Amino acid sequence: MDKEELERSTSLYWILNNNFINENDQPIEFEKHRFLIDPYLDEHPDIVVKKSAQIGWSVLAILKGIHIAGYKGLNVIHTLPTQNVIKDFVIPKVNPLVQKNKAARELLKHDNVSLKQFGERWVYYRGAFVEREAISITADVLINDEYDRSDQHILSIYQSRLQYSNYAWTWRFSNPSVKGFGVDELFEDSDQMHWFITCEHCGHDQYLTFENNVDIQKKIYICMKCKKEISDATRQNGRWVAKFPKRTHRRGYWISQLMCPYVPASYIVEKSKDDPEFFYNFVLGLAYTEAEILVTRESIVSACSPGRVELKKVCMGVDNGVIKHYVIGTPEGIFRYGKTDSWEEIERLIKAYNAHTVIDLNPYPNTPRALTEKYPGLVFCNSYVQDRKEIGAIQWGLKQREGAVRSDRTKIIDRVASEINNKEITYTLTPQAMDEYIEHWLNMYRGTEVNSQGIKRGVWLTKENRPDHYAHATIYWRIALEKVKEADGAIARSIVRTPPQKRAVIMERDTIPQIDIQRIARKTGKKSKDWRTM
């Protein structure tokens, strides 16, 4: 191929042949970024990347989008999780890249704020923030920047913008968030490309992990086998190896700062002392969920002890909605769960089991309030609150609020998750009968939230458009169980406090805003000698 043909064939040659610089006037080079060579060459129609911060991927996405529009004649939508994509992305990053590089500037035919024409086709820069941004446009390629931190509903609307294209390429990348969500979930269903290096001392092939390849005391990178120091050049001269090469439907890359030759081990060690969520997500490029408060399938299954239960001290939790989800059990364990569209059925269950019952007050409060009046001391309405005065996880109402209970959302879910993991909450059902129940717990995860004062606090979030009703019904059942303990004179003082003088602030339930083409790749002539399970 001549120079022009090479430039048209891939964005990599286009950048190399024209000596591109980034928005900060630094050369875009691949000596220290060899792990980006294959991704620049890669035009697989379905790519997912879970990545660390500061590895050059946003520049890659911008330039690949421009190249695809200018040379391959495809329309591109590039999304970001921001309300003002012009101020936050186009002005500081896209415009400088175009203006500072003649080869990109020459392709620019029309420049209208967030819509740019390169060659004969267009690149739309849009925010994944409100629906109106996603309507009335169509494209061939969808690039989702910071996928995990975008509104998943809005991203699904953008995805529909590809339905009339013969290409319909979708490229998603992000710093991961929690396990089983976003790029972490998509990566698990990909060929899972890992950056393999070969130890210069013993010849062992391996991909780098913090646990196996960082000596914390010496602050050096080491071989997982011989434990000798690995040089920067060795980390630099790796190669991409697919863990599941037969999975041709999706290409997945995992990029961490461990593979960057310009990041010393001392930096990694220092960052490991910081907030673990930040360290995993932004340094290691891995999803993170605190194990002790993550409810997994294994933790629920291990808490199962099938059998009969004596129907004494029965409690029930009900998650309010058009469909009401309920969980029923005793201090010995949960023995039943189900759903109904009828409040009459909920009342029948209350009477049949004489069950102490806690019902979610929202979103339809009238019937739950009527039931508390009809069955005083037996039925209660729960409101999630944010405990601002260290009053505990549960707070029962007194006098005129006798049928009400308020629970700190984060504290009570933390407590129930811990009790499930420790088998303090058990199930008399078989694991096979609990698939739907387990699914609802798997859709919840522990994250963090920063308020307007910059203060971080823990919150429980739900994966976009995924059901979590049985998890909340379990929370309400657990609150009802406190009333049974109270009646026995054995109330759990660790999670129940007397009411404060002022009313707590009620919070809403949190949710987070959810062709195989032959790959052109650099030939290394080396094959992996082993594979380590992630």
Protein backbone atom coordinates (compact mmCIF):
# COMPACT_ATOMS: atom_id res chain seq x y z
CA MET A 1 0.00 0.00 0.00
CA ASP A 2 1.10 3.56 -0.60
CA LYS A 3 0.91 6.21 2.11
CA GLU A 4 -2.60 7.38 1.23
CA GLU A 5 -3.96 3.83 1.17
CA LEU A 6 -2.39 3.13 4.56
CA GLU A 7 -3.94 6.26 6.03
CA ARG A 8 -7.34 5.31 4.68
CA SER A 9 -7.07 1.74 5.93
CA THR A 10 -6.66 2.44 9.67
CA SER A 11 -6.54 5.37 12.07
CA LEU A 12 -3.17 4.10 13.37
CA TYR A 13 -1.32 4.73 10.12
CA TRP A 14 -3.17 8.00 9.66
CA ILE A 15 -1.88 9.20 13.03
CA LEU A 16 1.68 7.88 12.58
CA ASN A 17 2.15 9.23 9.06
CA ASN A 18 0.97 12.70 10.06
CA ASN A 19 2.75 13.06 13.42
CA PHE A 20 -0.39 13.78 15.44
CA ILE A 21 -0.23 15.64 18.73
CA ASN A 22 -2.81 15.60 21.52
CA GLU A 23 -4.77 18.52 22.94
CA ASN A 24 -1.81 19.33 25.22
CA ASP A 25 0.66 19.54 22.31
CA GLN A 26 2.28 16.22 23.24
CA PRO A 27 3.09 13.73 20.44
CA ILE A 28 0.72 10.79 20.18
CA GLU A 29 3.26 7.99 20.40
CA PHE A 30 3.11 4.22 20.65
CA GLU A 31 6.49 3.40 22.14
CA LYS A 32 5.13 3.71 25.68
CA HIS A 33 1.57 2.95 24.56
CA ARG A 34 2.10 -0.27 22.63
CA PHE A 35 -0.99 -1.71 24.28
CA LEU A 36 -3.00 0.80 22.20
CA ILE A 37 -1.68 -0.40 18.82
CA ASP A 38 -4.13 -3.29 18.44
CA PRO A 39 -7.14 -1.28 19.67
CA TYR A 40 -6.33 1.47 17.13
CA LEU A 41 -6.24 -1.19 14.41
CA ASP A 42 -9.32 -3.01 15.69
CA GLU A 43 -12.59 -2.45 13.80
CA HIS A 44 -14.59 -5.25 15.34
CA PRO A 45 -18.29 -4.24 15.33
CA ASP A 46 -18.75 -4.88 19.07
CA ILE A 47 -15.93 -3.73 21.36
CA VAL A 48 -15.98 -3.29 25.12
CA VAL A 49 -13.09 -1.89 27.15
CA LYS A 50 -12.79 -1.84 30.94
CA LYS A 51 -9.90 0.47 31.61
CA SER A 52 -7.97 2.45 34.15
CA ALA A 53 -7.68 6.23 34.01
CA GLN A 54 -5.08 8.21 32.05
CA ILE A 55 -4.15 5.70 29.37
CA GLY A 56 -5.08 7.73 26.26
CA TRP A 57 -8.39 6.08 25.41
CA SER A 58 -10.52 9.20 24.99
CA VAL A 59 -8.08 10.52 22.37
CA LEU A 60 -8.21 7.11 20.67
CA ALA A 61 -12.02 7.21 20.56
CA ILE A 62 -12.14 10.75 19.18
CA LEU A 63 -9.59 10.08 16.43
CA LYS A 64 -11.08 6.72 15.44
CA GLY A 65 -14.49 8.38 15.16
CA ILE A 66 -13.11 11.14 12.93
CA HIS A 67 -11.22 8.62 10.77
CA ILE A 68 -14.27 6.38 10.36
CA ALA A 69 -16.42 9.32 9.24
CA GLY A 70 -13.76 10.83 6.99
CA TYR A 71 -12.37 7.72 5.30
CA LYS A 72 -14.90 4.93 5.75
CA GLY A 73 -18.02 6.97 5.10
CA LEU A 74 -19.88 6.07 8.30
CA ASN A 75 -21.90 8.34 10.56
CA VAL A 76 -20.81 8.28 14.20
CA ILE A 77 -22.52 9.11 17.52
CA HIS A 78 -20.10 9.73 20.41
CA THR A 79 -21.83 9.90 23.81
CA LEU A 80 -20.68 11.09 27.23
CA PRO A 81 -22.35 11.15 30.67
CA THR A 82 -22.58 14.92 30.84
CA GLN A 83 -25.31 17.50 30.45
CA ASN A 84 -23.08 19.98 28.64
CA VAL A 85 -21.03 17.91 26.21
CA ILE A 86 -19.87 21.07 24.42
CA LYS A 87 -18.28 22.63 27.49
CA ASP A 88 -17.01 19.41 29.06
CA PHE A 89 -15.71 17.55 26.02
CA VAL A 90 -15.93 19.19 22.60
CA ILE A 91 -14.24 22.48 23.49
CA PRO A 92 -11.39 21.14 25.68
CA LYS A 93 -10.66 17.89 23.79
CA VAL A 94 -12.25 17.47 20.36
CA ASN A 95 -11.69 20.96 18.96
CA PRO A 96 -7.98 21.14 19.93
CA LEU A 97 -7.32 17.70 18.41
CA VAL A 98 -8.87 18.82 15.14
CA GLN A 99 -7.27 22.26 15.04
CA LYS A 100 -3.77 21.14 16.06
CA ASN A 101 -3.54 18.35 13.47
CA LYS A 102 -3.60 19.28 9.81
CA ALA A 103 -4.69 15.83 8.65
CA ALA A 104 -7.81 16.05 10.81
CA ARG A 105 -8.43 19.70 10.00
CA GLU A 106 -8.37 18.97 6.27
CA LEU A 107 -11.15 16.40 6.69
CA LEU A 108 -13.39 18.91 8.49
CA LYS A 109 -16.05 20.17 6.07
CA HIS A 110 -18.63 21.55 8.48
CA ASP A 111 -18.30 22.55 12.13
CA ASN A 112 -21.49 23.28 14.03
CA VAL A 113 -20.82 23.07 17.77
CA SER A 114 -21.49 19.39 18.63
CA LEU A 115 -22.04 18.25 15.03
CA LYS A 116 -19.02 17.99 12.76
CA GLN A 117 -18.73 16.78 9.19
CA PHE A 118 -15.54 14.93 8.25
CA GLY A 119 -15.37 14.04 4.58
CA GLU A 120 -18.88 13.07 3.53
CA ARG A 121 -20.12 11.88 6.91
CA TRP A 122 -20.94 13.26 10.35
CA VAL A 123 -19.87 12.84 13.97
CA TYR A 124 -22.49 13.72 16.59
CA TYR A 125 -21.17 14.52 20.08
CA ARG A 126 -24.04 13.99 22.47
CA GLY A 127 -24.70 13.73 26.20
CA ALA A 128 -26.23 10.58 27.66
CA PHE A 129 -28.17 12.74 30.06
CA VAL A 130 -31.62 13.53 28.63
CA GLU A 131 -33.74 11.76 26.03
CA ARG A 132 -34.03 14.70 23.66
CA GLU A 133 -30.31 14.40 22.91
CA ALA A 134 -30.85 10.91 21.49
CA ILE A 135 -33.78 11.50 19.14
CA SER A 136 -33.92 12.48 15.47
CA ILE A 137 -30.43 11.21 14.61
CA THR A 138 -29.23 7.99 12.99
CA ALA A 139 -25.75 6.56 12.65
CA ASP A 140 -23.63 3.54 11.76
CA VAL A 141 -21.28 3.59 14.74
CA LEU A 142 -22.09 4.27 18.40
CA ILE A 143 -19.22 5.15 20.74
CA ASN A 144 -20.23 5.19 24.42
CA ASP A 145 -17.62 7.08 26.43
CA GLU A 146 -17.71 6.36 30.21
CA TYR A 147 -20.41 3.76 29.71
CA ASP A 148 -20.82 2.83 33.39
CA ARG A 149 -21.45 6.41 34.45
CA SER A 150 -24.02 7.13 31.76
CA ASP A 151 -27.79 6.84 32.06
CA GLN A 152 -28.38 3.29 30.80
CA HIS A 153 -31.90 4.11 29.60
CA ILE A 154 -30.59 6.95 27.43
CA LEU A 155 -27.87 4.67 26.05
CA SER A 156 -30.53 2.16 25.01
CA ILE A 157 -32.25 4.91 23.02
CA TYR A 158 -28.96 5.73 21.31
CA GLN A 159 -28.56 2.03 20.50
CA SER A 160 -31.86 2.13 18.61
CA ARG A 161 -30.39 4.86 16.38
CA LEU A 162 -28.32 2.15 14.67
CA GLN A 163 -31.20 -0.08 13.63
CA TYR A 164 -31.29 1.04 9.99
CA SER A 165 -27.53 0.76 9.46
CA ASN A 166 -25.85 -2.12 7.64
CA TYR A 167 -22.96 -1.76 10.08
CA ALA A 168 -24.43 -1.01 13.55
CA TRP A 169 -21.05 -1.00 15.30
CA THR A 170 -21.10 -0.38 19.05
CA TRP A 171 -17.97 0.47 21.02
CA ARG A 172 -18.31 0.88 24.80
CA PHE A 173 -15.56 1.84 27.20
CA SER A 174 -15.35 3.03 30.78
CA ASN A 175 -13.59 2.93 34.09
CA PRO A 176 -15.57 0.02 35.56
CA SER A 177 -17.83 0.48 38.55
CA VAL A 178 -19.20 -2.62 40.29
CA LYS A 179 -19.06 -6.32 39.54
CA GLY A 180 -21.65 -7.64 37.13
CA PHE A 181 -22.63 -4.26 35.73
CA GLY A 182 -21.69 -2.16 32.70
CA VAL A 183 -18.35 -2.86 31.06
CA ASP A 184 -17.55 -5.55 33.62
CA GLU A 185 -20.67 -7.49 32.63
CA LEU A 186 -20.02 -6.98 28.90
CA PHE A 187 -16.36 -7.93 29.23
CA GLU A 188 -17.33 -11.22 30.85
CA ASP A 189 -19.29 -12.03 27.69
CA SER A 190 -16.38 -11.22 25.35
CA ASP A 191 -13.20 -12.90 24.14
CA GLN A 192 -11.43 -11.19 27.11
CA MET A 193 -8.16 -9.85 25.73
CA HIS A 194 -5.34 -9.70 28.32
CA TRP A 195 -1.93 -8.05 27.95
CA PHE A 196 0.61 -10.87 28.29
CA ILE A 197 4.28 -10.26 29.02
CA THR A 198 7.22 -12.71 29.12
CA CYS A 199 9.58 -12.66 32.11
CA GLU A 200 13.11 -11.85 30.94
CA HIS A 201 14.51 -14.14 33.65
CA CYS A 202 12.51 -17.38 33.52
CA GLY A 203 10.49 -16.96 30.31
CA HIS A 204 7.14 -17.38 32.06
CA ASP A 205 4.17 -15.88 30.20
CA GLN A 206 1.69 -13.98 32.36
CA TYR A 207 -0.65 -11.02 32.51
CA LEU A 208 -0.09 -8.52 35.29
CA THR A 209 -2.14 -8.33 38.48
CA PHE A 210 -1.57 -6.32 41.63
CA GLU A 211 -1.63 -9.42 43.83
CA ASN A 212 0.92 -11.43 41.82
CA ASN A 213 3.17 -8.85 40.18
CA VAL A 214 3.74 -6.01 42.66
CA ASP A 215 6.17 -6.42 45.55
CA ILE A 216 4.69 -4.01 48.10
CA GLN A 217 7.77 -3.93 50.34
CA LYS A 218 10.33 -3.37 47.58
CA LYS A 219 7.92 -1.33 45.43
CA ILE A 220 8.91 -3.12 42.24
CA TYR A 221 7.17 -5.20 39.57
CA ILE A 222 8.02 -8.90 39.82
CA CYS A 223 7.45 -12.11 37.89
CA MET A 224 4.67 -14.17 39.45
CA LYS A 225 6.78 -17.34 39.07
CA CYS A 226 10.45 -16.58 39.77
CA LYS A 227 9.74 -13.40 41.83
CA LYS A 228 12.56 -11.49 40.12
CA GLU A 229 12.12 -7.88 39.10
CA ILE A 230 10.39 -7.22 35.77
CA SER A 231 11.74 -4.30 33.78
CA ASP A 232 9.70 -1.49 32.25
CA ALA A 233 10.74 -2.74 28.82
CA THR A 234 9.21 -6.15 29.57
CA ARG A 235 5.91 -4.60 30.61
CA GLN A 236 6.03 -2.42 27.52
CA ASN A 237 6.64 -5.25 25.04
CA GLY A 238 3.56 -7.32 25.71
CA ARG A 239 0.95 -8.74 23.39
CA TRP A 240 -2.80 -9.17 23.49
CA VAL A 241 -4.06 -12.72 24.08
CA ALA A 242 -7.72 -13.71 24.07
CA LYS A 243 -8.83 -15.90 26.96
CA PHE A 244 -11.80 -17.10 24.89
CA PRO A 245 -10.73 -16.81 21.23
CA LYS A 246 -13.84 -18.65 20.00
CA ARG A 247 -16.08 -15.86 21.27
CA THR A 248 -16.14 -13.90 18.07
CA HIS A 249 -19.31 -11.90 18.77
CA ARG A 250 -17.58 -9.38 21.05
CA ARG A 251 -14.03 -8.09 21.48
CA GLY A 252 -13.10 -7.19 25.05
CA TYR A 253 -9.98 -5.39 26.33
CA TRP A 254 -8.89 -4.98 29.95
CA ILE A 255 -6.36 -2.17 30.42
CA SER A 256 -4.75 -1.37 33.78
CA GLN A 257 -1.98 1.02 34.75
CA LEU A 258 0.21 -2.00 35.52
CA MET A 259 0.89 -2.39 31.80
CA CYS A 260 1.96 1.25 31.38
CA PRO A 261 5.80 1.44 31.39
CA TYR A 262 5.61 5.06 32.57
CA VAL A 263 3.76 4.11 35.79
CA PRO A 264 6.24 2.96 38.50
CA ALA A 265 5.37 0.30 41.03
CA SER A 266 5.86 2.85 43.82
CA TYR A 267 2.89 4.80 42.46
CA ILE A 268 0.72 1.66 42.38
CA VAL A 269 1.68 0.79 45.96
CA GLU A 270 0.90 4.31 47.15
CA LYS A 271 -2.49 4.33 45.43
CA SER A 272 -3.34 0.94 46.94
CA LYS A 273 -3.48 2.68 50.32
CA ASP A 274 -6.26 4.99 49.15
CA ASP A 275 -9.97 4.28 48.85
CA PRO A 276 -10.21 0.70 47.50
CA GLU A 277 -13.06 1.54 45.14
CA PHE A 278 -10.96 4.26 43.46
CA PHE A 279 -7.90 2.01 43.37
CA TYR A 280 -9.73 -0.84 41.67
CA ASN A 281 -11.80 1.26 39.25
CA PHE A 282 -9.28 3.90 38.18
CA VAL A 283 -5.85 2.32 38.72
CA LEU A 284 -6.40 -1.40 38.11
CA GLY A 285 -9.31 -0.98 35.72
CA LEU A 286 -11.35 -3.53 37.68
CA ALA A 287 -14.89 -3.55 39.05
CA TYR A 288 -15.12 -3.37 42.82
CA THR A 289 -17.77 -4.33 45.36
CA GLU A 290 -17.04 -4.78 49.04
CA ALA A 291 -17.25 -8.54 49.55
CA GLU A 292 -18.62 -8.43 53.07
CA ILE A 293 -21.72 -6.45 52.01
CA LEU A 294 -22.24 -7.95 48.59
CA VAL A 295 -25.05 -10.50 48.43
CA THR A 296 -24.11 -13.20 45.94
CA ARG A 297 -25.82 -16.31 44.66
CA GLU A 298 -23.34 -18.37 46.66
CA SER A 299 -24.09 -16.54 49.91
CA ILE A 300 -27.84 -17.13 49.55
CA VAL A 301 -27.48 -20.75 48.44
CA SER A 302 -25.14 -21.49 51.35
CA ALA A 303 -27.78 -20.05 53.71
CA CYS A 304 -30.42 -22.50 52.42
CA SER A 305 -31.50 -25.32 54.72
CA PRO A 306 -34.62 -26.86 53.14
CA GLY A 307 -37.22 -28.18 55.56
CA ARG A 308 -40.38 -27.41 57.43
CA VAL A 309 -40.65 -24.46 59.77
CA GLU A 310 -42.94 -24.01 62.76
CA LEU A 311 -45.41 -21.25 61.89
CA LYS A 312 -44.87 -19.19 65.02
CA LYS A 313 -43.78 -15.55 65.15
CA VAL A 314 -44.39 -15.21 61.40
CA CYS A 315 -43.30 -11.96 59.79
CA MET A 316 -43.87 -10.56 56.30
CA GLY A 317 -42.26 -7.81 54.25
CA VAL A 318 -44.09 -6.27 51.27
CA ASP A 319 -42.56 -4.13 48.54
CA ASN A 320 -45.23 -1.70 47.35
CA GLY A 321 -46.13 -1.27 43.68
CA VAL A 322 -48.62 -2.23 40.99
CA ILE A 323 -47.24 -5.71 41.61
CA LYS A 324 -46.64 -6.30 45.30
CA HIS A 325 -43.69 -8.56 46.15
CA TYR A 326 -43.69 -10.28 49.53
CA VAL A 327 -41.28 -12.33 51.66
CA ILE A 328 -42.54 -14.42 54.60
CA GLY A 329 -40.56 -16.11 57.36
CA THR A 330 -39.97 -16.60 61.05
CA PRO A 331 -36.86 -16.16 63.21
CA GLU A 332 -35.95 -19.67 61.99
CA GLY A 333 -35.79 -18.58 58.36
CA ILE A 334 -37.61 -17.39 55.25
CA PHE A 335 -40.00 -20.02 53.94
CA ARG A 336 -42.02 -18.25 51.22
CA TYR A 337 -41.84 -15.44 48.70
CA GLY A 338 -44.14 -14.38 45.88
CA LYS A 339 -45.98 -11.55 44.13
CA THR A 340 -49.53 -10.42 43.54
CA ASP A 341 -51.39 -7.49 42.03
CA SER A 342 -54.02 -7.65 44.79
CA TRP A 343 -53.98 -5.88 48.15
CA GLU A 344 -56.71 -8.33 49.15
CA GLU A 345 -54.20 -11.16 48.75
CA ILE A 346 -51.72 -9.31 50.96
CA GLU A 347 -54.41 -8.88 53.62
CA ARG A 348 -55.32 -12.57 53.34
CA LEU A 349 -51.69 -13.51 54.02
CA ILE A 350 -51.56 -11.19 57.03
CA LYS A 351 -54.61 -12.90 58.54
CA ALA A 352 -53.62 -16.43 57.52
CA TYR A 353 -50.24 -16.23 59.25
CA ASN A 354 -51.16 -13.57 61.86
CA ALA A 355 -47.99 -12.02 60.50
CA HIS A 356 -46.25 -8.97 61.84
CA THR A 357 -46.00 -7.10 58.55
CA VAL A 358 -43.99 -4.14 57.29
CA ILE A 359 -45.09 -2.59 53.99
CA ASP A 360 -43.22 -0.04 51.91
CA LEU A 361 -45.19 3.20 52.20
CA ASN A 362 -44.46 4.37 48.65
CA PRO A 363 -45.44 4.75 45.88
CA TYR A 364 -49.08 3.98 46.78
CA PRO A 365 -49.54 4.90 50.48
CA ASN A 366 -53.33 4.81 50.93
CA THR A 367 -53.90 1.04 51.28
CA PRO A 368 -50.80 0.40 53.46
CA ARG A 369 -51.95 3.18 55.83
CA ALA A 370 -55.46 1.71 55.91
CA LEU A 371 -54.00 -1.70 56.81
CA THR A 372 -52.02 -0.22 59.72
CA GLU A 373 -55.24 1.28 61.08
CA LYS A 374 -57.15 -1.98 60.58
CA TYR A 375 -54.44 -4.13 62.20
CA PRO A 376 -52.81 -1.91 64.86
CA GLY A 377 -49.65 -3.32 66.36
CA LEU A 378 -49.45 -5.92 63.57
CA VAL A 379 -49.00 -3.93 60.34
CA PHE A 380 -46.55 -1.06 59.87
CA CYS A 381 -45.61 1.26 57.01
CA ASN A 382 -41.90 1.78 56.36
CA SER A 383 -40.22 4.87 54.98
CA TYR A 384 -36.56 4.83 54.01
CA VAL A 385 -34.69 7.78 55.54
CA GLN A 386 -31.15 9.05 55.80
CA ASP A 387 -30.04 8.86 59.43
CA ARG A 388 -28.39 12.20 60.14
CA LYS A 389 -28.18 11.87 63.95
CA GLU A 390 -26.78 8.38 64.49
CA ILE A 391 -30.16 7.14 65.68
CA GLY A 392 -29.60 3.62 64.35
CA ALA A 393 -30.97 1.59 61.47
CA ILE A 394 -34.62 1.32 62.60
CA GLN A 395 -36.89 3.81 64.34
CA TRP A 396 -40.44 2.94 65.41
CA GLY A 397 -43.06 5.66 65.54
CA LEU A 398 -44.81 6.57 68.78
CA LYS A 399 -48.27 7.89 69.66
CA GLN A 400 -49.91 9.33 66.54
CA ARG A 401 -47.24 7.67 64.37
CA GLU A 402 -47.57 4.28 66.04
CA GLY A 403 -48.14 2.45 62.75
CA ALA A 404 -45.04 3.96 61.14
CA VAL A 405 -41.44 2.82 61.07
CA ARG A 406 -38.47 4.56 59.52
CA SER A 407 -35.26 2.81 58.53
CA ASP A 408 -31.94 4.21 57.39
CA ARG A 409 -31.73 2.75 53.90
CA THR A 410 -28.00 2.15 53.79
CA LYS A 411 -27.64 0.90 57.36
CA ILE A 412 -30.50 -1.59 57.25
CA ILE A 413 -29.49 -3.03 53.87
CA ASP A 414 -25.89 -3.29 55.11
CA ARG A 415 -27.14 -5.17 58.15
CA VAL A 416 -29.32 -7.60 56.17
CA ALA A 417 -26.58 -8.24 53.60
CA SER A 418 -24.15 -9.02 56.42
CA GLU A 419 -26.64 -11.32 58.11
CA ILE A 420 -27.23 -13.25 54.88
CA ASN A 421 -23.50 -13.66 54.36
CA ASN A 422 -23.03 -14.81 57.94
CA LYS A 423 -26.01 -17.22 57.69
CA GLU A 424 -27.82 -15.34 60.43
CA ILE A 425 -30.66 -15.09 57.94
CA THR A 426 -31.50 -18.52 56.52
CA TYR A 427 -33.92 -19.99 54.01
CA THR A 428 -35.97 -23.17 54.34
CA LEU A 429 -36.45 -23.26 50.55
CA THR A 430 -34.36 -25.25 48.08
CA PRO A 431 -31.81 -23.28 46.02
CA GLN A 432 -33.62 -24.38 42.83
CA ALA A 433 -36.78 -22.64 44.03
CA MET A 434 -35.02 -19.33 44.62
CA ASP A 435 -33.75 -18.25 41.20
CA GLU A 436 -36.02 -15.21 40.87
CA TYR A 437 -35.41 -14.16 44.48
CA ILE A 438 -31.64 -14.43 44.02
CA GLU A 439 -31.76 -12.45 40.77
CA HIS A 440 -33.27 -9.46 42.60
CA TRP A 441 -30.42 -9.46 45.14
CA LEU A 442 -27.80 -9.71 42.38
CA ASN A 443 -29.21 -6.54 40.84
CA MET A 444 -28.24 -4.51 43.91
CA TYR A 445 -24.75 -3.35 44.84
CA ARG A 446 -22.98 -1.07 47.29
CA GLY A 447 -21.61 2.18 45.88
CA THR A 448 -20.73 5.68 47.04
CA GLU A 449 -22.35 9.07 46.64
CA VAL A 450 -20.83 12.51 47.03
CA ASN A 451 -23.11 15.32 48.21
CA SER A 452 -22.93 19.01 47.31
CA GLN A 453 -20.42 19.54 50.13
CA GLY A 454 -18.09 16.93 48.66
CA ILE A 455 -18.78 14.42 51.45
CA LYS A 456 -18.78 10.79 50.36
CA ARG A 457 -21.17 8.23 51.84
CA GLY A 458 -22.16 4.69 51.09
CA VAL A 459 -25.40 3.95 49.25
CA TRP A 460 -27.10 0.88 47.82
CA LEU A 461 -27.83 1.17 44.12
CA THR A 462 -29.79 -0.90 41.64
CA LYS A 463 -28.68 -1.73 38.12
CA GLU A 464 -30.71 0.24 35.61
CA ASN A 465 -34.07 -1.32 34.70
CA ARG A 466 -33.35 -4.44 36.80
CA PRO A 467 -35.83 -5.69 39.46
CA ASP A 468 -34.87 -5.52 43.15
CA HIS A 469 -38.27 -6.02 44.79
CA TYR A 470 -37.60 -9.26 46.68
CA ALA A 471 -34.45 -7.74 48.17
CA HIS A 472 -36.47 -4.82 49.57
CA ALA A 473 -39.26 -7.15 50.70
CA THR A 474 -36.57 -9.03 52.64
CA ILE A 475 -35.50 -5.77 54.28
CA TYR A 476 -39.09 -5.09 55.37
CA TRP A 477 -39.41 -8.68 56.66
CA ARG A 478 -36.25 -8.14 58.70
CA ILE A 479 -37.68 -4.93 60.16
CA ALA A 480 -40.90 -6.79 61.06
CA LEU A 481 -38.76 -9.39 62.80
CA GLU A 482 -37.67 -6.68 65.26
CA LYS A 483 -41.26 -6.38 66.44
CA VAL A 484 -41.32 -10.11 67.22
CA LYS A 485 -38.06 -9.77 69.16
CA GLU A 486 -39.45 -6.74 70.97
CA ALA A 487 -42.52 -8.73 72.02
CA ASP A 488 -40.18 -11.38 73.48
CA GLY A 489 -38.17 -8.75 75.33
CA ALA A 490 -35.17 -9.45 73.14
CA ILE A 491 -35.08 -6.43 70.89
CA ALA A 492 -31.81 -5.97 68.98
CA ARG A 493 -30.55 -2.72 70.47
CA SER A 494 -27.72 -2.51 67.97
CA ILE A 495 -30.06 -1.59 65.14
CA VAL A 496 -33.01 0.05 66.90
CA ARG A 497 -33.02 3.45 68.57
CA THR A 498 -35.62 5.71 70.13
CA PRO A 499 -37.07 8.41 67.88
CA PRO A 500 -35.29 11.75 67.57
CA GLN A 501 -37.10 15.00 68.19
CA LYS A 502 -36.97 16.09 64.57
CA ARG A 503 -38.28 14.22 61.62
CA ALA A 504 -35.68 12.55 59.40
CA VAL A 505 -35.52 13.32 55.70
CA ILE A 506 -37.22 10.72 53.53
CA MET A 507 -35.20 9.53 50.55
CA GLU A 508 -36.36 8.06 47.29
CA ARG A 509 -35.06 4.62 46.32
CA ASP A 510 -31.75 4.97 44.50
CA THR A 511 -31.18 3.63 41.01
CA ILE A 512 -28.32 4.30 38.71
CA PRO A 513 -28.94 6.22 35.66
CA GLN A 514 -27.99 0.98 32.76
CA ILE A 515 -20.64 -9.51 12.05
CA ASP A 516 -17.27 -10.64 13.04
CA ILE A 517 -14.70 -8.80 10.93
CA GLN A 518 -11.25 -10.25 10.46
CA ARG A 519 -9.06 -8.44 12.96
CA ILE A 520 -5.94 -6.68 11.67
CA ALA A 521 -3.36 -7.04 14.40
CA ARG A 522 0.33 -6.69 14.99
CA LYS A 523 2.01 -10.09 14.58
CA THR A 524 4.27 -11.00 17.46
CA GLY A 525 5.16 -14.56 16.50
CA LYS A 526 4.70 -15.66 20.13
CA LYS A 527 2.00 -17.70 21.79
CA SER A 528 0.99 -17.87 25.41
CA LYS A 529 2.47 -20.80 27.32
CA ASP A 530 -0.17 -20.78 30.01
CA TRP A 531 -3.35 -19.13 31.07
CA ARG A 532 -4.28 -17.95 34.52
CA THR A 533 -7.87 -17.85 35.59
CA MET A 534 -9.03 -14.34 36.44
